[in-house]
Amino acid sequence: FSLDGYTIGWFRQAPGKEREGVVCISSSGGTTLYADSVRGRFTVF
């Protein structure tokens, strides 16, 4: 099926650590949000 109409988030979890948000992208693709730790290195599309 399609992912149209869905906001998508990427999260990660390292051993012994809590799950953290990495990046999200709105359903239109017009809004993105990056964690400080990955901004400038990661790109979502």
All heavy atoms as atom14 arrays in JSON, in Angstrom:
{
  "sequence": "FSLDGYTIGWFRQAPGKEREGVVCISSSGGTTLYADSVRGRFTVF",
  "atom14_mask": [
    [1, 1, 1, 1, 1, 1, 1, 1, 1, 1, 1, 0, 0, 0],
    [1, 1, 1, 1, 1, 1, 0, 0, 0, 0, 0, 0, 0, 0],
    [1, 1, 1, 1, 1, 1, 1, 1, 0, 0, 0, 0, 0, 0],
    [1, 1, 1, 1, 1, 1, 1, 1, 0, 0, 0, 0, 0, 0],
    [1, 1, 1, 1, 0, 0, 0, 0, 0, 0, 0, 0, 0, 0],
    [1, 1, 1, 1, 1, 1, 1, 1, 1, 1, 1, 1, 0, 0],
    [1, 1, 1, 1, 1, 1, 1, 0, 0, 0, 0, 0, 0, 0],
    [1, 1, 1, 1, 1, 1, 1, 1, 0, 0, 0, 0, 0, 0],
    [1, 1, 1, 1, 0, 0, 0, 0, 0, 0, 0, 0, 0, 0],
    [1, 1, 1, 1, 1, 1, 1, 1, 1, 1, 1, 1, 1, 1],
    [1, 1, 1, 1, 1, 1, 1, 1, 1, 1, 1, 0, 0, 0],
    [1, 1, 1, 1, 1, 1, 1, 1, 1, 1, 1, 0, 0, 0],
    [1, 1, 1, 1, 1, 1, 1, 1, 1, 0, 0, 0, 0, 0],
    [1, 1, 1, 1, 1, 0, 0, 0, 0, 0, 0, 0, 0, 0],
    [1, 1, 1, 1, 1, 1, 1, 0, 0, 0, 0, 0, 0, 0],
    [1, 1, 1, 1, 0, 0, 0, 0, 0, 0, 0, 0, 0, 0],
    [1, 1, 1, 1, 1, 1, 1, 1, 1, 0, 0, 0, 0, 0],
    [1, 1, 1, 1, 1, 1, 1, 1, 1, 0, 0, 0, 0, 0],
    [1, 1, 1, 1, 1, 1, 1, 1, 1, 1, 1, 0, 0, 0],
    [1, 1, 1, 1, 1, 1, 1, 1, 1, 0, 0, 0, 0, 0],
    [1, 1, 1, 1, 0, 0, 0, 0, 0, 0, 0, 0, 0, 0],
    [1, 1, 1, 1, 1, 1, 1, 0, 0, 0, 0, 0, 0, 0],
    [1, 1, 1, 1, 1, 1, 1, 0, 0, 0, 0, 0, 0, 0],
    [1, 1, 1, 1, 1, 1, 0, 0, 0, 0, 0, 0, 0, 0],
    [1, 1, 1, 1, 1, 1, 1, 1, 0, 0, 0, 0, 0, 0],
    [1, 1, 1, 1, 1, 1, 0, 0, 0, 0, 0, 0, 0, 0],
    [1, 1, 1, 1, 1, 1, 0, 0, 0, 0, 0, 0, 0, 0],
    [1, 1, 1, 1, 1, 1, 0, 0, 0, 0, 0, 0, 0, 0],
    [1, 1, 1, 1, 0, 0, 0, 0, 0, 0, 0, 0, 0, 0],
    [1, 1, 1, 1, 0, 0, 0, 0, 0, 0, 0, 0, 0, 0],
    [1, 1, 1, 1, 1, 1, 1, 0, 0, 0, 0, 0, 0, 0],
    [1, 1, 1, 1, 1, 1, 1, 0, 0, 0, 0, 0, 0, 0],
    [1, 1, 1, 1, 1, 1, 1, 1, 0, 0, 0, 0, 0, 0],
    [1, 1, 1, 1, 1, 1, 1, 1, 1, 1, 1, 1, 0, 0],
    [1, 1, 1, 1, 1, 0, 0, 0, 0, 0, 0, 0, 0, 0],
    [1, 1, 1, 1, 1, 1, 1, 1, 0, 0, 0, 0, 0, 0],
    [1, 1, 1, 1, 1, 1, 0, 0, 0, 0, 0, 0, 0, 0],
    [1, 1, 1, 1, 1, 1, 1, 0, 0, 0, 0, 0, 0, 0],
    [1, 1, 1, 1, 1, 1, 1, 1, 1, 1, 1, 0, 0, 0],
    [1, 1, 1, 1, 0, 0, 0, 0, 0, 0, 0, 0, 0, 0],
    [1, 1, 1, 1, 1, 1, 1, 1, 1, 1, 1, 0, 0, 0],
    [1, 1, 1, 1, 1, 1, 1, 1, 1, 1, 1, 0, 0, 0],
    [1, 1, 1, 1, 1, 1, 1, 0, 0, 0, 0, 0, 0, 0],
    [1, 1, 1, 1, 1, 1, 1, 0, 0, 0, 0, 0, 0, 0],
    [1, 1, 1, 1, 1, 1, 1, 1, 1, 1, 1, 0, 0, 0]
  ],
  "atom14_positions": [
    [[0.83, -1.2, 0.0], [0.0, 0.0, 0.0], [0.87, 1.25, 0.0], [2.07, 1.21, 0.24], [-0.93, 0.0, 1.21], [-1.93, -1.11, 1.23], [-1.63, -2.29, 1.88], [-3.15, -0.97, 0.6], [-2.53, -3.34, 1.91], [-4.07, -2.01, 0.63], [-3.76, -3.2, 1.27], [0.0, 0.0, 0.0], [0.0, 0.0, 0.0], [0.0, 0.0, 0.0]],
    [[0.22, 2.37, -0.22], [0.9, 3.65, -0.26], [1.09, 4.22, 1.14], [0.38, 3.86, 2.08], [0.09, 4.64, -1.11], [0.58, 5.95, -0.98], [0.0, 0.0, 0.0], [0.0, 0.0, 0.0], [0.0, 0.0, 0.0], [0.0, 0.0, 0.0], [0.0, 0.0, 0.0], [0.0, 0.0, 0.0], [0.0, 0.0, 0.0], [0.0, 0.0, 0.0]],
    [[2.05, 5.13, 1.25], [2.23, 5.89, 2.48], [1.67, 7.3, 2.35], [1.92, 8.16, 3.21], [3.71, 5.95, 2.85], [4.31, 4.65, 3.41], [5.81, 4.8, 3.59], [3.65, 4.25, 4.71], [0.0, 0.0, 0.0], [0.0, 0.0, 0.0], [0.0, 0.0, 0.0], [0.0, 0.0, 0.0], [0.0, 0.0, 0.0], [0.0, 0.0, 0.0]],
    [[0.95, 7.56, 1.28], [0.33, 8.88, 1.11], [-0.6, 9.17, 2.28], [-1.37, 8.32, 2.71], [-0.47, 8.92, -0.19], [0.42, 8.91, -1.42], [1.65, 9.03, -1.25], [-0.11, 8.77, -2.53], [0.0, 0.0, 0.0], [0.0, 0.0, 0.0], [0.0, 0.0, 0.0], [0.0, 0.0, 0.0], [0.0, 0.0, 0.0], [0.0, 0.0, 0.0]],
    [[-0.52, 10.41, 2.78], [-1.4, 10.81, 3.86], [-0.89, 10.46, 5.25], [-1.6, 10.64, 6.23], [0.0, 0.0, 0.0], [0.0, 0.0, 0.0], [0.0, 0.0, 0.0], [0.0, 0.0, 0.0], [0.0, 0.0, 0.0], [0.0, 0.0, 0.0], [0.0, 0.0, 0.0], [0.0, 0.0, 0.0], [0.0, 0.0, 0.0], [0.0, 0.0, 0.0]],
    [[0.34, 9.99, 5.32], [0.91, 9.6, 6.61], [2.17, 10.4, 6.93], [3.05, 10.53, 6.07], [1.26, 8.11, 6.64], [0.05, 7.23, 6.68], [-0.57, 6.8, 5.51], [-0.5, 6.83, 7.9], [-1.7, 6.0, 5.55], [-1.63, 6.03, 7.95], [-2.23, 5.62, 6.76], [-3.34, 4.83, 6.8], [0.0, 0.0, 0.0], [0.0, 0.0, 0.0]],
    [[2.23, 10.91, 8.14], [3.48, 11.43, 8.66], [4.37, 10.24, 8.98], [3.92, 9.25, 9.56], [3.25, 12.25, 9.94], [2.46, 13.39, 9.63], [4.56, 12.68, 10.57], [0.0, 0.0, 0.0], [0.0, 0.0, 0.0], [0.0, 0.0, 0.0], [0.0, 0.0, 0.0], [0.0, 0.0, 0.0], [0.0, 0.0, 0.0], [0.0, 0.0, 0.0]],
    [[5.64, 10.34, 8.62], [6.59, 9.26, 8.87], [7.69, 9.76, 9.8], [8.24, 10.85, 9.61], [7.23, 8.77, 7.56], [6.15, 8.28, 6.59], [8.25, 7.65, 7.86], [5.33, 7.11, 7.09], [0.0, 0.0, 0.0], [0.0, 0.0, 0.0], [0.0, 0.0, 0.0], [0.0, 0.0, 0.0], [0.0, 0.0, 0.0], [0.0, 0.0, 0.0]],
    [[7.98, 8.96, 10.8], [9.08, 9.27, 11.7], [10.11, 8.16, 11.68], [9.79, 7.0, 11.45], [0.0, 0.0, 0.0], [0.0, 0.0, 0.0], [0.0, 0.0, 0.0], [0.0, 0.0, 0.0], [0.0, 0.0, 0.0], [0.0, 0.0, 0.0], [0.0, 0.0, 0.0], [0.0, 0.0, 0.0], [0.0, 0.0, 0.0], [0.0, 0.0, 0.0]],
    [[11.35, 8.55, 11.91], [12.43, 7.58, 12.1], [12.92, 7.73, 13.53], [13.2, 8.84, 13.98], [13.58, 7.83, 11.14], [13.33, 7.36, 9.74], [12.9, 8.1, 8.69], [13.51, 6.04, 9.24], [12.79, 7.33, 7.56], [13.17, 6.05, 7.87], [13.94, 4.83, 9.8], [13.24, 4.91, 7.06], [14.0, 3.7, 8.99], [13.65, 3.75, 7.64]],
    [[13.03, 6.62, 14.2], [13.51, 6.57, 15.57], [14.65, 5.56, 15.64], [14.8, 4.71, 14.75], [12.39, 6.14, 16.52], [11.29, 7.16, 16.66], [10.36, 7.35, 15.65], [11.2, 7.94, 17.81], [9.35, 8.29, 15.76], [10.19, 8.89, 17.93], [9.27, 9.06, 16.92], [0.0, 0.0, 0.0], [0.0, 0.0, 0.0], [0.0, 0.0, 0.0]],
    [[15.44, 5.64, 16.68], [16.5, 4.66, 16.86], [16.64, 4.32, 18.33], [16.32, 5.12, 19.2], [17.82, 5.16, 16.28], [18.42, 6.36, 17.01], [19.66, 6.86, 16.27], [20.28, 8.0, 16.95], [21.29, 8.69, 16.48], [21.82, 8.37, 15.27], [21.8, 9.7, 17.15], [0.0, 0.0, 0.0], [0.0, 0.0, 0.0], [0.0, 0.0, 0.0]],
    [[17.17, 3.11, 18.55], [17.39, 2.67, 19.92], [18.7, 1.91, 19.99], [18.86, 0.88, 19.33], [16.24, 1.8, 20.42], [16.33, 1.46, 21.89], [15.02, 0.89, 22.44], [14.17, 0.41, 21.69], [14.85, 0.97, 23.75], [0.0, 0.0, 0.0], [0.0, 0.0, 0.0], [0.0, 0.0, 0.0], [0.0, 0.0, 0.0], [0.0, 0.0, 0.0]],
    [[19.6, 2.45, 20.76], [20.89, 1.81, 20.99], [20.8, 0.93, 22.23], [19.94, 1.16, 23.09], [21.98, 2.87, 21.17], [0.0, 0.0, 0.0], [0.0, 0.0, 0.0], [0.0, 0.0, 0.0], [0.0, 0.0, 0.0], [0.0, 0.0, 0.0], [0.0, 0.0, 0.0], [0.0, 0.0, 0.0], [0.0, 0.0, 0.0], [0.0, 0.0, 0.0]],
    [[21.66, -0.07, 22.34], [21.62, -0.95, 23.5], [21.71, -0.18, 24.81], [22.59, 0.68, 24.97], [22.85, -1.86, 23.3], [23.06, -1.86, 21.84], [22.69, -0.49, 21.37], [0.0, 0.0, 0.0], [0.0, 0.0, 0.0], [0.0, 0.0, 0.0], [0.0, 0.0, 0.0], [0.0, 0.0, 0.0], [0.0, 0.0, 0.0], [0.0, 0.0, 0.0]],
    [[20.79, -0.47, 25.72], [20.81, 0.17, 27.03], [20.3, 1.59, 27.05], [20.35, 2.25, 28.1], [0.0, 0.0, 0.0], [0.0, 0.0, 0.0], [0.0, 0.0, 0.0], [0.0, 0.0, 0.0], [0.0, 0.0, 0.0], [0.0, 0.0, 0.0], [0.0, 0.0, 0.0], [0.0, 0.0, 0.0], [0.0, 0.0, 0.0], [0.0, 0.0, 0.0]],
    [[19.79, 2.06, 25.9], [19.3, 3.44, 25.85], [17.82, 3.46, 25.45], [17.3, 2.5, 24.88], [20.12, 4.26, 24.86], [21.57, 4.46, 25.27], [22.27, 5.42, 24.33], [23.7, 5.68, 24.79], [24.39, 6.67, 23.9], [0.0, 0.0, 0.0], [0.0, 0.0, 0.0], [0.0, 0.0, 0.0], [0.0, 0.0, 0.0], [0.0, 0.0, 0.0]],
    [[17.18, 4.58, 25.73], [15.8, 4.74, 25.34], [15.7, 5.03, 23.84], [16.64, 5.53, 23.23], [15.16, 5.88, 26.12], [15.01, 5.6, 27.61], [14.23, 6.7, 28.32], [13.92, 7.71, 27.68], [13.96, 6.53, 29.51], [0.0, 0.0, 0.0], [0.0, 0.0, 0.0], [0.0, 0.0, 0.0], [0.0, 0.0, 0.0], [0.0, 0.0, 0.0]],
    [[14.54, 4.71, 23.28], [14.31, 5.02, 21.87], [14.24, 6.53, 21.71], [13.57, 7.22, 22.48], [13.02, 4.36, 21.4], [12.82, 4.39, 19.91], [11.62, 3.55, 19.5], [11.82, 2.13, 19.8], [11.0, 1.17, 19.4], [9.92, 1.47, 18.65], [11.23, -0.07, 19.73], [0.0, 0.0, 0.0], [0.0, 0.0, 0.0], [0.0, 0.0, 0.0]],
    [[14.94, 7.05, 20.69], [14.96, 8.49, 20.47], [14.51, 8.82, 19.06], [14.76, 8.06, 18.12], [16.36, 9.07, 20.72], [17.42, 8.56, 19.76], [18.73, 9.34, 19.87], [18.72, 10.47, 20.4], [19.75, 8.8, 19.39], [0.0, 0.0, 0.0], [0.0, 0.0, 0.0], [0.0, 0.0, 0.0], [0.0, 0.0, 0.0], [0.0, 0.0, 0.0]],
    [[13.87, 9.96, 18.93], [13.45, 10.43, 17.62], [14.62, 10.97, 16.83], [15.44, 11.7, 17.37], [0.0, 0.0, 0.0], [0.0, 0.0, 0.0], [0.0, 0.0, 0.0], [0.0, 0.0, 0.0], [0.0, 0.0, 0.0], [0.0, 0.0, 0.0], [0.0, 0.0, 0.0], [0.0, 0.0, 0.0], [0.0, 0.0, 0.0], [0.0, 0.0, 0.0]],
    [[14.69, 10.6, 15.58], [15.79, 11.02, 14.7], [15.31, 12.09, 13.73], [15.93, 13.16, 13.61], [16.35, 9.81, 13.93], [17.42, 10.26, 12.94], [16.91, 8.77, 14.9], [0.0, 0.0, 0.0], [0.0, 0.0, 0.0], [0.0, 0.0, 0.0], [0.0, 0.0, 0.0], [0.0, 0.0, 0.0], [0.0, 0.0, 0.0], [0.0, 0.0, 0.0]],
    [[14.22, 11.8, 13.05], [13.72, 12.72, 12.04], [12.27, 12.38, 11.75], [11.84, 11.25, 11.93], [14.56, 12.64, 10.75], [14.46, 11.26, 10.12], [14.16, 13.7, 9.74], [0.0, 0.0, 0.0], [0.0, 0.0, 0.0], [0.0, 0.0, 0.0], [0.0, 0.0, 0.0], [0.0, 0.0, 0.0], [0.0, 0.0, 0.0], [0.0, 0.0, 0.0]],
    [[11.5, 13.38, 11.33], [10.15, 13.1, 10.83], [9.92, 13.92, 9.58], [10.6, 14.93, 9.33], [9.08, 13.37, 11.87], [8.92, 15.09, 12.34], [0.0, 0.0, 0.0], [0.0, 0.0, 0.0], [0.0, 0.0, 0.0], [0.0, 0.0, 0.0], [0.0, 0.0, 0.0], [0.0, 0.0, 0.0], [0.0, 0.0, 0.0], [0.0, 0.0, 0.0]],
    [[8.96, 13.46, 8.79], [8.56, 14.17, 7.58], [7.04, 14.14, 7.49], [6.42, 13.1, 7.71], [9.23, 13.57, 6.33], [8.88, 14.38, 5.07], [8.89, 12.09, 6.16], [9.75, 14.02, 3.87], [0.0, 0.0, 0.0], [0.0, 0.0, 0.0], [0.0, 0.0, 0.0], [0.0, 0.0, 0.0], [0.0, 0.0, 0.0], [0.0, 0.0, 0.0]],
    [[6.47, 15.29, 7.21], [5.02, 15.38, 7.16], [4.47, 14.63, 5.94], [5.21, 14.29, 5.03], [4.59, 16.84, 7.13], [5.05, 17.47, 5.94], [0.0, 0.0, 0.0], [0.0, 0.0, 0.0], [0.0, 0.0, 0.0], [0.0, 0.0, 0.0], [0.0, 0.0, 0.0], [0.0, 0.0, 0.0], [0.0, 0.0, 0.0], [0.0, 0.0, 0.0]],
    [[3.18, 14.44, 5.93], [2.57, 13.67, 4.84], [2.73, 14.38, 3.5], [2.8, 13.74, 2.46], [1.11, 13.4, 5.14], [0.39, 14.61, 5.31], [0.0, 0.0, 0.0], [0.0, 0.0, 0.0], [0.0, 0.0, 0.0], [0.0, 0.0, 0.0], [0.0, 0.0, 0.0], [0.0, 0.0, 0.0], [0.0, 0.0, 0.0], [0.0, 0.0, 0.0]],
    [[2.79, 15.71, 3.52], [2.99, 16.45, 2.27], [4.46, 16.47, 1.86], [4.78, 16.79, 0.72], [2.51, 17.89, 2.43], [3.39, 18.62, 3.26], [0.0, 0.0, 0.0], [0.0, 0.0, 0.0], [0.0, 0.0, 0.0], [0.0, 0.0, 0.0], [0.0, 0.0, 0.0], [0.0, 0.0, 0.0], [0.0, 0.0, 0.0], [0.0, 0.0, 0.0]],
    [[5.33, 16.18, 2.8], [6.76, 16.29, 2.56], [7.28, 17.7, 2.78], [8.48, 17.94, 2.7], [0.0, 0.0, 0.0], [0.0, 0.0, 0.0], [0.0, 0.0, 0.0], [0.0, 0.0, 0.0], [0.0, 0.0, 0.0], [0.0, 0.0, 0.0], [0.0, 0.0, 0.0], [0.0, 0.0, 0.0], [0.0, 0.0, 0.0], [0.0, 0.0, 0.0]],
    [[6.38, 18.62, 3.11], [6.78, 20.01, 3.22], [7.39, 20.38, 4.55], [8.01, 21.44, 4.68], [0.0, 0.0, 0.0], [0.0, 0.0, 0.0], [0.0, 0.0, 0.0], [0.0, 0.0, 0.0], [0.0, 0.0, 0.0], [0.0, 0.0, 0.0], [0.0, 0.0, 0.0], [0.0, 0.0, 0.0], [0.0, 0.0, 0.0], [0.0, 0.0, 0.0]],
    [[7.21, 19.54, 5.55], [7.77, 19.81, 6.87], [8.65, 18.65, 7.3], [8.23, 17.49, 7.22], [6.65, 20.0, 7.91], [5.82, 21.09, 7.51], [7.23, 20.27, 9.29], [0.0, 0.0, 0.0], [0.0, 0.0, 0.0], [0.0, 0.0, 0.0], [0.0, 0.0, 0.0], [0.0, 0.0, 0.0], [0.0, 0.0, 0.0], [0.0, 0.0, 0.0]],
    [[9.84, 18.98, 7.74], [10.74, 17.98, 8.3], [11.28, 18.49, 9.62], [11.36, 19.7, 9.86], [11.92, 17.65, 7.37], [12.63, 18.87, 7.06], [11.44, 17.01, 6.08], [0.0, 0.0, 0.0], [0.0, 0.0, 0.0], [0.0, 0.0, 0.0], [0.0, 0.0, 0.0], [0.0, 0.0, 0.0], [0.0, 0.0, 0.0], [0.0, 0.0, 0.0]],
    [[11.66, 17.58, 10.47], [12.2, 17.93, 11.78], [13.32, 16.95, 12.07], [13.13, 15.73, 11.96], [11.11, 17.84, 12.84], [11.46, 18.26, 14.26], [11.83, 19.74, 14.28], [10.27, 18.0, 15.18], [0.0, 0.0, 0.0], [0.0, 0.0, 0.0], [0.0, 0.0, 0.0], [0.0, 0.0, 0.0], [0.0, 0.0, 0.0], [0.0, 0.0, 0.0]],
    [[14.5, 17.48, 12.46], [15.66, 16.64, 12.72], [16.13, 16.8, 14.16], [16.12, 17.9, 14.71], [16.83, 17.02, 11.79], [16.59, 16.72, 10.34], [15.95, 17.63, 9.51], [17.03, 15.52, 9.79], [15.74, 17.35, 8.18], [16.83, 15.23, 8.44], [16.18, 16.15, 7.64], [15.98, 15.86, 6.32], [0.0, 0.0, 0.0], [0.0, 0.0, 0.0]],
    [[16.58, 15.7, 14.72], [17.25, 15.78, 16.01], [18.58, 16.5, 15.83], [19.22, 16.4, 14.78], [17.49, 14.37, 16.57], [0.0, 0.0, 0.0], [0.0, 0.0, 0.0], [0.0, 0.0, 0.0], [0.0, 0.0, 0.0], [0.0, 0.0, 0.0], [0.0, 0.0, 0.0], [0.0, 0.0, 0.0], [0.0, 0.0, 0.0], [0.0, 0.0, 0.0]],
    [[19.0, 17.21, 16.87], [20.26, 17.97, 16.79], [21.44, 17.06, 16.46], [22.37, 17.48, 15.76], [20.52, 18.69, 18.11], [19.57, 19.84, 18.35], [18.91, 20.29, 17.39], [19.48, 20.3, 19.51], [0.0, 0.0, 0.0], [0.0, 0.0, 0.0], [0.0, 0.0, 0.0], [0.0, 0.0, 0.0], [0.0, 0.0, 0.0], [0.0, 0.0, 0.0]],
    [[21.39, 15.85, 16.94], [22.51, 14.93, 16.77], [22.73, 14.49, 15.32], [23.81, 13.99, 14.99], [22.33, 13.71, 17.66], [21.11, 13.05, 17.33], [0.0, 0.0, 0.0], [0.0, 0.0, 0.0], [0.0, 0.0, 0.0], [0.0, 0.0, 0.0], [0.0, 0.0, 0.0], [0.0, 0.0, 0.0], [0.0, 0.0, 0.0], [0.0, 0.0, 0.0]],
    [[21.71, 14.66, 14.48], [21.84, 14.18, 13.1], [21.68, 15.3, 12.07], [21.9, 15.07, 10.87], [20.82, 13.06, 12.79], [20.97, 11.93, 13.8], [19.4, 13.59, 12.77], [0.0, 0.0, 0.0], [0.0, 0.0, 0.0], [0.0, 0.0, 0.0], [0.0, 0.0, 0.0], [0.0, 0.0, 0.0], [0.0, 0.0, 0.0], [0.0, 0.0, 0.0]],
    [[21.29, 16.47, 12.51], [21.05, 17.56, 11.56], [22.32, 17.88, 10.79], [23.4, 17.99, 11.34], [20.56, 18.81, 12.3], [20.12, 19.94, 11.36], [19.57, 21.13, 12.13], [18.34, 20.78, 12.85], [18.25, 20.72, 14.17], [19.31, 21.0, 14.91], [17.11, 20.41, 14.75], [0.0, 0.0, 0.0], [0.0, 0.0, 0.0], [0.0, 0.0, 0.0]],
    [[22.18, 17.99, 9.48], [23.32, 18.25, 8.62], [23.98, 16.99, 8.09], [24.77, 17.05, 7.14], [0.0, 0.0, 0.0], [0.0, 0.0, 0.0], [0.0, 0.0, 0.0], [0.0, 0.0, 0.0], [0.0, 0.0, 0.0], [0.0, 0.0, 0.0], [0.0, 0.0, 0.0], [0.0, 0.0, 0.0], [0.0, 0.0, 0.0], [0.0, 0.0, 0.0]],
    [[23.66, 15.85, 8.68], [24.24, 14.58, 8.23], [23.17, 13.66, 7.64], [23.45, 12.89, 6.73], [24.92, 13.86, 9.39], [26.06, 14.65, 10.02], [26.82, 13.8, 11.03], [25.98, 13.4, 12.16], [25.76, 12.14, 12.51], [26.3, 11.15, 11.79], [25.0, 11.84, 13.56], [0.0, 0.0, 0.0], [0.0, 0.0, 0.0], [0.0, 0.0, 0.0]],
    [[21.97, 13.72, 8.18], [20.88, 12.86, 7.73], [19.88, 13.68, 6.93], [19.64, 14.86, 7.24], [20.16, 12.23, 8.92], [20.94, 11.19, 9.68], [22.29, 10.99, 9.49], [20.28, 10.38, 10.61], [22.99, 10.03, 10.2], [20.97, 9.42, 11.32], [22.33, 9.24, 11.12], [0.0, 0.0, 0.0], [0.0, 0.0, 0.0], [0.0, 0.0, 0.0]],
    [[19.27, 13.03, 5.95], [18.24, 13.67, 5.15], [17.09, 12.7, 4.94], [17.32, 11.55, 4.56], [18.78, 14.1, 3.77], [19.9, 14.98, 3.95], [17.7, 14.84, 2.98], [0.0, 0.0, 0.0], [0.0, 0.0, 0.0], [0.0, 0.0, 0.0], [0.0, 0.0, 0.0], [0.0, 0.0, 0.0], [0.0, 0.0, 0.0], [0.0, 0.0, 0.0]],
    [[15.89, 13.18, 5.18], [14.7, 12.36, 4.96], [13.96, 12.88, 3.74], [13.89, 14.09, 3.52], [13.79, 12.35, 6.2], [13.21, 13.74, 6.48], [12.66, 11.33, 6.04], [0.0, 0.0, 0.0], [0.0, 0.0, 0.0], [0.0, 0.0, 0.0], [0.0, 0.0, 0.0], [0.0, 0.0, 0.0], [0.0, 0.0, 0.0], [0.0, 0.0, 0.0]],
    [[13.44, 11.98, 2.92], [12.65, 12.41, 1.78], [11.7, 11.3, 1.38], [11.91, 10.13, 1.69], [13.55, 12.83, 0.61], [14.49, 11.77, 0.1], [14.16, 11.01, -1.01], [15.71, 11.54, 0.71], [15.02, 10.05, -1.49], [16.58, 10.57, 0.24], [16.24, 9.83, -0.86], [0.0, 0.0, 0.0], [0.0, 0.0, 0.0], [0.0, 0.0, 0.0]]
  ]
}
